[in-house]
Amino acid sequence: MIREIGPTELTGMLNSSPEPVLLDVREPWELSLASLPGVLNIPMAQIPDRLDELCRDQDVVVICHHGSRSLQVAAFLKQNGFDCVINLAGGIDAWSREVDPAVPIY
């Protein structure tokens, strides 16, 4: 089972040490519309070929637009030996609505 958190809980994680890796699996054009600072962008289709860019010993919070693609990627990461994988439920859309209205909704 994949752990899911909401935007408010992510805010707390971002203020802790060490901060998690924020893995945004959306396409670059989506990031240009709305994103969080400091994300690592690896589009969903590229994840299998770019696993070596992720640390297996660090918390990874997976982000997409609404939380569906990120949940699929989180499950894939779990199956490939990543223990600390978390899905951002509601994605960047929920972040915009609940935490930071300055991040555009698209």
N, C-alpha and C. Protein backbone atom coordinates (compact mmCIF):
# COMPACT_ATOMS: atom_id res chain seq x y z
N MET A 1 0.84 -1.18 0.00
CA MET A 1 0.00 0.00 0.00
C MET A 1 0.89 1.25 0.00
N ILE A 2 0.50 2.21 -0.77
CA ILE A 2 1.25 3.45 -0.90
C ILE A 2 0.71 4.48 0.09
N ARG A 3 1.61 5.08 0.84
CA ARG A 3 1.23 6.14 1.77
C ARG A 3 0.85 7.37 0.97
N GLU A 4 -0.25 8.02 1.37
CA GLU A 4 -0.67 9.25 0.73
C GLU A 4 -0.77 10.34 1.78
N ILE A 5 -0.37 11.55 1.38
CA ILE A 5 -0.50 12.70 2.26
C ILE A 5 -1.19 13.81 1.48
N GLY A 6 -1.76 14.75 2.22
CA GLY A 6 -2.36 15.91 1.61
C GLY A 6 -1.38 17.07 1.58
N PRO A 7 -1.75 18.14 0.94
CA PRO A 7 -0.87 19.30 0.84
C PRO A 7 -0.44 19.88 2.18
N THR A 8 -1.32 19.91 3.14
CA THR A 8 -0.98 20.48 4.44
C THR A 8 0.10 19.64 5.12
N GLU A 9 -0.02 18.33 5.05
CA GLU A 9 1.00 17.46 5.63
C GLU A 9 2.33 17.61 4.90
N LEU A 10 2.28 17.82 3.59
CA LEU A 10 3.51 18.04 2.84
C LEU A 10 4.20 19.31 3.32
N THR A 11 3.45 20.34 3.61
CA THR A 11 4.03 21.59 4.13
C THR A 11 4.87 21.31 5.36
N GLY A 12 4.36 20.49 6.26
CA GLY A 12 5.10 20.13 7.45
C GLY A 12 6.38 19.38 7.13
N MET A 13 6.31 18.49 6.14
CA MET A 13 7.49 17.72 5.74
C MET A 13 8.56 18.64 5.15
N LEU A 14 8.13 19.68 4.45
CA LEU A 14 9.08 20.59 3.81
C LEU A 14 9.82 21.44 4.83
N ASN A 15 9.27 21.54 6.03
CA ASN A 15 9.91 22.31 7.09
C ASN A 15 10.73 21.42 8.02
N SER A 16 10.88 20.15 7.66
CA SER A 16 11.64 19.23 8.50
C SER A 16 13.00 18.95 7.84
N SER A 17 13.81 18.27 8.59
CA SER A 17 15.12 17.91 8.06
C SER A 17 15.33 16.41 8.24
N PRO A 18 15.74 15.71 7.24
CA PRO A 18 15.96 16.20 5.88
C PRO A 18 14.65 16.33 5.12
N GLU A 19 14.63 17.27 4.19
CA GLU A 19 13.45 17.43 3.35
C GLU A 19 13.35 16.26 2.38
N PRO A 20 12.14 15.89 2.00
CA PRO A 20 11.98 14.81 1.02
C PRO A 20 12.35 15.30 -0.38
N VAL A 21 12.60 14.36 -1.25
CA VAL A 21 12.73 14.66 -2.68
C VAL A 21 11.31 14.84 -3.20
N LEU A 22 11.08 15.92 -3.91
CA LEU A 22 9.78 16.16 -4.54
C LEU A 22 9.92 15.74 -6.00
N LEU A 23 9.37 14.60 -6.34
CA LEU A 23 9.45 14.06 -7.69
C LEU A 23 8.17 14.41 -8.44
N ASP A 24 8.28 15.34 -9.37
CA ASP A 24 7.13 15.75 -10.16
C ASP A 24 7.15 14.98 -11.47
N VAL A 25 6.11 14.18 -11.70
CA VAL A 25 6.09 13.28 -12.85
C VAL A 25 5.27 13.84 -14.02
N ARG A 26 4.93 15.11 -13.94
CA ARG A 26 4.19 15.73 -15.04
C ARG A 26 5.14 16.08 -16.19
N GLU A 27 4.57 16.42 -17.31
CA GLU A 27 5.33 16.83 -18.48
C GLU A 27 5.87 18.24 -18.27
N PRO A 28 6.99 18.58 -18.93
CA PRO A 28 7.57 19.92 -18.76
C PRO A 28 6.59 21.06 -19.01
N TRP A 29 5.70 20.91 -19.99
CA TRP A 29 4.74 21.99 -20.25
C TRP A 29 3.82 22.20 -19.06
N GLU A 30 3.52 21.14 -18.32
CA GLU A 30 2.67 21.28 -17.13
C GLU A 30 3.42 22.01 -16.03
N LEU A 31 4.71 21.69 -15.88
CA LEU A 31 5.53 22.39 -14.88
C LEU A 31 5.60 23.87 -15.18
N SER A 32 5.62 24.24 -16.46
CA SER A 32 5.70 25.65 -16.82
C SER A 32 4.43 26.40 -16.41
N LEU A 33 3.34 25.68 -16.23
CA LEU A 33 2.08 26.31 -15.81
C LEU A 33 2.00 26.46 -14.30
N ALA A 34 2.43 25.45 -13.57
CA ALA A 34 2.31 25.45 -12.10
C ALA A 34 3.27 24.43 -11.52
N SER A 35 4.05 24.86 -10.53
CA SER A 35 4.98 23.91 -9.91
C SER A 35 5.39 24.39 -8.53
N LEU A 36 5.99 23.47 -7.80
CA LEU A 36 6.58 23.78 -6.50
C LEU A 36 8.07 24.02 -6.71
N PRO A 37 8.68 24.88 -5.91
CA PRO A 37 10.12 25.09 -6.06
C PRO A 37 10.90 23.84 -5.64
N GLY A 38 12.01 23.61 -6.32
CA GLY A 38 12.91 22.54 -5.93
C GLY A 38 12.50 21.15 -6.33
N VAL A 39 11.53 21.01 -7.24
CA VAL A 39 11.13 19.67 -7.64
C VAL A 39 12.14 19.07 -8.60
N LEU A 40 12.21 17.75 -8.60
CA LEU A 40 12.93 16.99 -9.60
C LEU A 40 11.89 16.55 -10.61
N ASN A 41 12.00 17.01 -11.85
CA ASN A 41 11.02 16.66 -12.87
C ASN A 41 11.52 15.49 -13.70
N ILE A 42 10.83 14.37 -13.55
CA ILE A 42 11.04 13.21 -14.42
C ILE A 42 9.65 12.79 -14.89
N PRO A 43 9.30 13.10 -16.14
CA PRO A 43 7.97 12.72 -16.63
C PRO A 43 7.72 11.22 -16.45
N MET A 44 6.48 10.88 -16.21
CA MET A 44 6.08 9.51 -15.90
C MET A 44 6.68 8.49 -16.87
N ALA A 45 6.63 8.76 -18.15
CA ALA A 45 7.12 7.79 -19.14
C ALA A 45 8.63 7.55 -19.05
N GLN A 46 9.35 8.49 -18.44
CA GLN A 46 10.80 8.37 -18.35
C GLN A 46 11.29 7.72 -17.05
N ILE A 47 10.39 7.49 -16.12
CA ILE A 47 10.77 6.95 -14.81
C ILE A 47 11.58 5.65 -14.91
N PRO A 48 11.14 4.64 -15.67
CA PRO A 48 11.91 3.40 -15.71
C PRO A 48 13.36 3.57 -16.12
N ASP A 49 13.63 4.51 -17.03
CA ASP A 49 14.99 4.72 -17.53
C ASP A 49 15.82 5.65 -16.65
N ARG A 50 15.18 6.30 -15.67
CA ARG A 50 15.90 7.30 -14.88
C ARG A 50 15.87 7.02 -13.38
N LEU A 51 15.64 5.76 -13.01
CA LEU A 51 15.59 5.39 -11.59
C LEU A 51 16.88 5.74 -10.85
N ASP A 52 18.00 5.70 -11.56
CA ASP A 52 19.28 5.97 -10.90
C ASP A 52 19.43 7.42 -10.45
N GLU A 53 18.51 8.30 -10.84
CA GLU A 53 18.54 9.69 -10.40
C GLU A 53 17.90 9.88 -9.03
N LEU A 54 17.31 8.80 -8.51
CA LEU A 54 16.62 8.87 -7.22
C LEU A 54 17.39 8.09 -6.16
N CYS A 55 17.38 8.61 -4.95
CA CYS A 55 18.03 7.93 -3.82
C CYS A 55 17.03 7.02 -3.15
N ARG A 56 17.37 5.75 -3.02
CA ARG A 56 16.47 4.77 -2.41
C ARG A 56 16.35 4.94 -0.90
N ASP A 57 17.27 5.70 -0.30
CA ASP A 57 17.27 5.86 1.16
C ASP A 57 16.63 7.17 1.62
N GLN A 58 16.04 7.92 0.71
CA GLN A 58 15.46 9.21 1.06
C GLN A 58 13.96 9.18 0.77
N ASP A 59 13.17 9.90 1.59
CA ASP A 59 11.75 10.02 1.30
C ASP A 59 11.55 10.66 -0.07
N VAL A 60 10.66 10.06 -0.86
CA VAL A 60 10.32 10.60 -2.17
C VAL A 60 8.82 10.87 -2.18
N VAL A 61 8.45 12.14 -2.36
CA VAL A 61 7.04 12.51 -2.50
C VAL A 61 6.78 12.70 -3.99
N VAL A 62 5.87 11.90 -4.53
CA VAL A 62 5.57 11.93 -5.96
C VAL A 62 4.37 12.83 -6.20
N ILE A 63 4.51 13.71 -7.20
CA ILE A 63 3.51 14.75 -7.47
C ILE A 63 3.12 14.71 -8.94
N CYS A 64 1.83 14.93 -9.19
CA CYS A 64 1.35 15.13 -10.55
C CYS A 64 0.24 16.18 -10.50
N HIS A 65 -0.64 16.20 -11.49
CA HIS A 65 -1.70 17.21 -11.53
C HIS A 65 -2.78 16.96 -10.48
N HIS A 66 -3.35 15.75 -10.46
CA HIS A 66 -4.43 15.45 -9.51
C HIS A 66 -4.14 14.26 -8.59
N GLY A 67 -3.03 13.58 -8.77
CA GLY A 67 -2.67 12.48 -7.88
C GLY A 67 -2.78 11.09 -8.45
N SER A 68 -3.26 10.96 -9.67
CA SER A 68 -3.41 9.62 -10.27
C SER A 68 -2.11 9.09 -10.87
N ARG A 69 -1.48 9.90 -11.71
CA ARG A 69 -0.21 9.46 -12.29
C ARG A 69 0.83 9.25 -11.20
N SER A 70 0.85 10.16 -10.23
CA SER A 70 1.84 10.05 -9.16
C SER A 70 1.63 8.78 -8.34
N LEU A 71 0.38 8.37 -8.15
CA LEU A 71 0.11 7.14 -7.42
C LEU A 71 0.64 5.93 -8.19
N GLN A 72 0.48 5.94 -9.51
CA GLN A 72 1.01 4.85 -10.34
C GLN A 72 2.54 4.81 -10.26
N VAL A 73 3.17 5.98 -10.33
CA VAL A 73 4.63 6.04 -10.25
C VAL A 73 5.10 5.60 -8.86
N ALA A 74 4.40 6.02 -7.82
CA ALA A 74 4.77 5.62 -6.46
C ALA A 74 4.72 4.10 -6.33
N ALA A 75 3.70 3.47 -6.88
CA ALA A 75 3.60 2.01 -6.84
C ALA A 75 4.76 1.37 -7.61
N PHE A 76 5.11 1.93 -8.75
CA PHE A 76 6.23 1.42 -9.54
C PHE A 76 7.54 1.54 -8.75
N LEU A 77 7.74 2.67 -8.09
CA LEU A 77 8.95 2.86 -7.29
C LEU A 77 9.01 1.84 -6.16
N LYS A 78 7.88 1.62 -5.48
CA LYS A 78 7.82 0.62 -4.41
C LYS A 78 8.22 -0.75 -4.92
N GLN A 79 7.71 -1.12 -6.08
CA GLN A 79 8.02 -2.42 -6.67
C GLN A 79 9.48 -2.54 -7.06
N ASN A 80 10.15 -1.40 -7.18
CA ASN A 80 11.55 -1.39 -7.60
C ASN A 80 12.50 -1.01 -6.47
N GLY A 81 12.09 -1.30 -5.24
CA GLY A 81 13.00 -1.19 -4.11
C GLY A 81 13.06 0.13 -3.39
N PHE A 82 12.16 1.05 -3.69
CA PHE A 82 12.11 2.31 -2.96
C PHE A 82 11.14 2.14 -1.79
N ASP A 83 11.65 2.26 -0.57
CA ASP A 83 10.83 2.02 0.61
C ASP A 83 10.05 3.24 1.07
N CYS A 84 10.61 4.41 0.92
CA CYS A 84 10.03 5.63 1.47
C CYS A 84 9.36 6.45 0.37
N VAL A 85 8.27 5.93 -0.18
CA VAL A 85 7.57 6.58 -1.28
C VAL A 85 6.21 7.06 -0.78
N ILE A 86 5.89 8.31 -1.11
CA ILE A 86 4.65 8.94 -0.65
C ILE A 86 3.99 9.62 -1.84
N ASN A 87 2.68 9.48 -1.97
CA ASN A 87 1.93 10.14 -3.02
C ASN A 87 1.27 11.40 -2.47
N LEU A 88 1.37 12.50 -3.24
CA LEU A 88 0.65 13.72 -2.86
C LEU A 88 -0.78 13.60 -3.39
N ALA A 89 -1.71 13.28 -2.50
CA ALA A 89 -3.12 13.14 -2.87
C ALA A 89 -3.65 14.48 -3.37
N GLY A 90 -4.29 14.46 -4.51
CA GLY A 90 -4.85 15.69 -5.07
C GLY A 90 -3.87 16.48 -5.92
N GLY A 91 -2.60 16.11 -5.86
CA GLY A 91 -1.58 16.71 -6.70
C GLY A 91 -1.39 18.21 -6.53
N ILE A 92 -0.80 18.81 -7.56
CA ILE A 92 -0.52 20.25 -7.54
C ILE A 92 -1.82 21.04 -7.49
N ASP A 93 -2.89 20.47 -8.01
CA ASP A 93 -4.20 21.13 -7.96
C ASP A 93 -4.63 21.33 -6.50
N ALA A 94 -4.51 20.30 -5.69
CA ALA A 94 -4.87 20.41 -4.27
C ALA A 94 -3.93 21.38 -3.54
N TRP A 95 -2.64 21.34 -3.91
CA TRP A 95 -1.68 22.27 -3.31
C TRP A 95 -2.13 23.72 -3.56
N SER A 96 -2.52 24.01 -4.80
CA SER A 96 -2.97 25.35 -5.16
C SER A 96 -4.21 25.77 -4.38
N ARG A 97 -5.13 24.85 -4.21
CA ARG A 97 -6.40 25.16 -3.55
C ARG A 97 -6.27 25.23 -2.03
N GLU A 98 -5.38 24.40 -1.45
CA GLU A 98 -5.32 24.30 0.01
C GLU A 98 -4.16 25.01 0.67
N VAL A 99 -3.06 25.19 -0.05
CA VAL A 99 -1.86 25.75 0.58
C VAL A 99 -1.41 27.06 -0.04
N ASP A 100 -1.26 27.08 -1.35
CA ASP A 100 -0.66 28.24 -2.01
C ASP A 100 -1.46 28.67 -3.22
N PRO A 101 -2.41 29.60 -3.04
CA PRO A 101 -3.22 30.04 -4.17
C PRO A 101 -2.42 30.81 -5.23
N ALA A 102 -1.17 31.13 -4.94
CA ALA A 102 -0.32 31.79 -5.95
C ALA A 102 0.12 30.80 -7.03
N VAL A 103 0.04 29.51 -6.73
CA VAL A 103 0.36 28.49 -7.74
C VAL A 103 -0.90 28.34 -8.61
N PRO A 104 -0.77 28.64 -9.90
CA PRO A 104 -1.95 28.62 -10.77
C PRO A 104 -2.64 27.26 -10.85
N ILE A 105 -3.94 27.30 -10.99
CA ILE A 105 -4.74 26.11 -11.23
C ILE A 105 -4.94 26.01 -12.73
N TYR A 106 -4.74 24.83 -13.25
CA TYR A 106 -4.93 24.65 -14.69
C TYR A 106 -5.75 23.42 -14.98
